[in-house]
Amino acid sequence: MKVRVNKSDLSKILKHYSNAWVALDSETMSVAVTGKNPSLVLEKARKKGLDHPVLTRVPKDYGSYIL
């Protein structure tokens, strides 16, 4: 099985979706569907024709952290 690695800085895109589940198009890494329930977001993404969406949860206080 071949694994494809795609590096993307999603900080500018995801900052608008604080405290939400986001399904990204795996080819373009653009936001396809958002919502509060991961199962519904995944279902809606598949209905939009995305066979392999990237599902992630954006933290409530999305931003920079200094450790």
N, C-alpha and C. Protein backbone atom coordinates (compact mmCIF):
# COMPACT_ATOMS: atom_id res chain seq x y z
N MET A 1 0.83 -1.17 0.00
CA MET A 1 0.00 0.00 0.00
C MET A 1 0.88 1.24 0.00
N LYS A 2 0.61 2.15 -0.90
CA LYS A 2 1.39 3.37 -1.00
C LYS A 2 0.72 4.47 -0.19
N VAL A 3 1.49 5.13 0.64
CA VAL A 3 0.98 6.22 1.46
C VAL A 3 1.47 7.54 0.87
N ARG A 4 0.52 8.44 0.65
CA ARG A 4 0.87 9.75 0.11
C ARG A 4 0.90 10.76 1.24
N VAL A 5 1.98 11.52 1.32
CA VAL A 5 2.11 12.55 2.34
C VAL A 5 1.93 13.91 1.68
N ASN A 6 1.03 14.69 2.26
CA ASN A 6 0.76 16.02 1.73
C ASN A 6 0.87 17.01 2.87
N LYS A 7 1.85 17.89 2.81
CA LYS A 7 2.03 18.89 3.86
C LYS A 7 1.23 20.13 3.49
N SER A 8 0.39 20.57 4.40
CA SER A 8 -0.43 21.76 4.17
C SER A 8 -0.52 22.56 5.45
N ASP A 9 -0.43 23.87 5.32
CA ASP A 9 -0.67 24.76 6.46
C ASP A 9 -2.14 25.12 6.45
N LEU A 10 -2.89 24.51 7.33
CA LEU A 10 -4.34 24.70 7.36
C LEU A 10 -4.77 25.77 8.35
N SER A 11 -3.83 26.45 8.98
CA SER A 11 -4.18 27.40 10.03
C SER A 11 -5.09 28.52 9.53
N LYS A 12 -4.84 29.04 8.35
CA LYS A 12 -5.67 30.13 7.83
C LYS A 12 -7.07 29.65 7.48
N ILE A 13 -7.18 28.43 7.02
CA ILE A 13 -8.48 27.87 6.64
C ILE A 13 -9.29 27.50 7.87
N LEU A 14 -8.67 26.80 8.81
CA LEU A 14 -9.40 26.24 9.94
C LEU A 14 -9.74 27.24 11.04
N LYS A 15 -9.09 28.41 11.06
CA LYS A 15 -9.37 29.37 12.13
C LYS A 15 -10.82 29.87 12.10
N HIS A 16 -11.49 29.72 10.97
CA HIS A 16 -12.88 30.16 10.83
C HIS A 16 -13.88 29.11 11.34
N TYR A 17 -13.40 27.94 11.73
CA TYR A 17 -14.28 26.83 12.11
C TYR A 17 -14.02 26.37 13.54
N SER A 18 -13.82 27.31 14.44
CA SER A 18 -13.54 27.01 15.84
C SER A 18 -14.63 26.15 16.47
N ASN A 19 -14.20 25.12 17.18
CA ASN A 19 -15.10 24.22 17.91
C ASN A 19 -16.06 23.46 17.00
N ALA A 20 -15.59 23.05 15.84
CA ALA A 20 -16.44 22.32 14.89
C ALA A 20 -15.67 21.15 14.29
N TRP A 21 -16.41 20.20 13.77
CA TRP A 21 -15.84 19.11 12.99
C TRP A 21 -15.81 19.56 11.54
N VAL A 22 -14.71 19.24 10.86
CA VAL A 22 -14.51 19.69 9.48
C VAL A 22 -14.11 18.50 8.62
N ALA A 23 -14.76 18.37 7.47
CA ALA A 23 -14.36 17.38 6.48
C ALA A 23 -13.67 18.14 5.35
N LEU A 24 -12.43 17.74 5.07
CA LEU A 24 -11.65 18.37 4.01
C LEU A 24 -11.59 17.45 2.80
N ASP A 25 -11.61 18.05 1.63
CA ASP A 25 -11.39 17.29 0.39
C ASP A 25 -9.93 16.85 0.40
N SER A 26 -9.67 15.57 0.31
CA SER A 26 -8.30 15.05 0.42
C SER A 26 -7.41 15.46 -0.75
N GLU A 27 -7.98 15.83 -1.87
CA GLU A 27 -7.20 16.26 -3.03
C GLU A 27 -6.80 17.73 -2.93
N THR A 28 -7.74 18.59 -2.57
CA THR A 28 -7.50 20.03 -2.56
C THR A 28 -7.26 20.61 -1.18
N MET A 29 -7.56 19.82 -0.14
CA MET A 29 -7.48 20.25 1.26
C MET A 29 -8.33 21.48 1.52
N SER A 30 -9.44 21.58 0.81
CA SER A 30 -10.40 22.65 1.04
C SER A 30 -11.54 22.11 1.90
N VAL A 31 -12.19 23.00 2.63
CA VAL A 31 -13.29 22.62 3.51
C VAL A 31 -14.49 22.23 2.67
N ALA A 32 -15.01 21.03 2.90
CA ALA A 32 -16.17 20.54 2.16
C ALA A 32 -17.44 20.64 3.01
N VAL A 33 -17.34 20.24 4.28
CA VAL A 33 -18.50 20.19 5.17
C VAL A 33 -18.03 20.51 6.59
N THR A 34 -18.87 21.21 7.35
CA THR A 34 -18.59 21.45 8.77
C THR A 34 -19.84 21.13 9.59
N GLY A 35 -19.63 20.90 10.88
CA GLY A 35 -20.77 20.64 11.76
C GLY A 35 -20.30 20.29 13.16
N LYS A 36 -21.26 20.04 14.03
CA LYS A 36 -20.97 19.71 15.43
C LYS A 36 -20.88 18.21 15.68
N ASN A 37 -21.36 17.39 14.75
CA ASN A 37 -21.40 15.94 14.92
C ASN A 37 -20.51 15.28 13.86
N PRO A 38 -19.46 14.55 14.27
CA PRO A 38 -18.54 13.97 13.29
C PRO A 38 -19.20 12.96 12.35
N SER A 39 -20.15 12.19 12.84
CA SER A 39 -20.82 11.21 11.99
C SER A 39 -21.62 11.89 10.88
N LEU A 40 -22.33 12.97 11.24
CA LEU A 40 -23.11 13.69 10.24
C LEU A 40 -22.23 14.41 9.23
N VAL A 41 -21.11 14.96 9.71
CA VAL A 41 -20.18 15.64 8.80
C VAL A 41 -19.62 14.64 7.79
N LEU A 42 -19.23 13.46 8.26
CA LEU A 42 -18.70 12.43 7.38
C LEU A 42 -19.76 11.97 6.39
N GLU A 43 -20.98 11.78 6.85
CA GLU A 43 -22.08 11.36 5.98
C GLU A 43 -22.35 12.40 4.89
N LYS A 44 -22.38 13.68 5.27
CA LYS A 44 -22.61 14.75 4.29
C LYS A 44 -21.48 14.84 3.28
N ALA A 45 -20.25 14.64 3.74
CA ALA A 45 -19.10 14.68 2.84
C ALA A 45 -19.19 13.56 1.80
N ARG A 46 -19.58 12.38 2.24
CA ARG A 46 -19.72 11.26 1.30
C ARG A 46 -20.86 11.50 0.32
N LYS A 47 -21.94 12.15 0.78
CA LYS A 47 -23.05 12.48 -0.11
C LYS A 47 -22.63 13.51 -1.17
N LYS A 48 -21.62 14.32 -0.82
CA LYS A 48 -21.10 15.31 -1.78
C LYS A 48 -20.13 14.67 -2.77
N GLY A 49 -19.89 13.37 -2.60
CA GLY A 49 -19.02 12.66 -3.54
C GLY A 49 -17.58 12.51 -3.10
N LEU A 50 -17.28 12.82 -1.86
CA LEU A 50 -15.92 12.65 -1.35
C LEU A 50 -15.76 11.23 -0.82
N ASP A 51 -14.96 10.43 -1.51
CA ASP A 51 -14.76 9.04 -1.10
C ASP A 51 -13.85 8.92 0.13
N HIS A 52 -12.85 9.81 0.22
CA HIS A 52 -11.88 9.74 1.31
C HIS A 52 -11.66 11.12 1.92
N PRO A 53 -12.68 11.68 2.57
CA PRO A 53 -12.49 12.99 3.19
C PRO A 53 -11.57 12.91 4.40
N VAL A 54 -10.91 14.00 4.70
CA VAL A 54 -10.08 14.11 5.89
C VAL A 54 -10.95 14.75 6.97
N LEU A 55 -11.21 14.01 8.03
CA LEU A 55 -12.08 14.49 9.10
C LEU A 55 -11.23 14.93 10.28
N THR A 56 -11.47 16.14 10.76
CA THR A 56 -10.72 16.65 11.90
C THR A 56 -11.61 17.55 12.74
N ARG A 57 -11.25 17.68 13.99
CA ARG A 57 -11.97 18.59 14.88
C ARG A 57 -11.09 19.79 15.14
N VAL A 58 -11.64 20.97 14.96
CA VAL A 58 -10.92 22.20 15.21
C VAL A 58 -11.15 22.59 16.67
N PRO A 59 -10.10 22.82 17.44
CA PRO A 59 -10.26 23.18 18.85
C PRO A 59 -11.06 24.47 19.03
N LYS A 60 -11.65 24.62 20.20
CA LYS A 60 -12.47 25.80 20.50
C LYS A 60 -11.65 27.09 20.37
N ASP A 61 -10.47 27.09 20.92
CA ASP A 61 -9.61 28.27 20.86
C ASP A 61 -8.47 28.01 19.88
N TYR A 62 -8.82 27.87 18.62
CA TYR A 62 -7.82 27.56 17.60
C TYR A 62 -6.92 28.78 17.41
N GLY A 63 -5.64 28.55 17.47
CA GLY A 63 -4.69 29.64 17.30
C GLY A 63 -3.30 29.16 17.65
N SER A 64 -2.43 30.07 17.91
CA SER A 64 -1.04 29.74 18.21
C SER A 64 -0.88 29.47 19.70
N TYR A 65 -0.03 28.52 19.98
CA TYR A 65 0.29 28.19 21.36
C TYR A 65 1.80 28.22 21.53
N ILE A 66 2.25 28.77 22.63
CA ILE A 66 3.68 28.77 22.94
C ILE A 66 3.87 27.84 24.13
N LEU A 67 4.71 26.84 23.93
CA LEU A 67 4.97 25.86 24.99
C LEU A 67 6.33 26.10 25.61
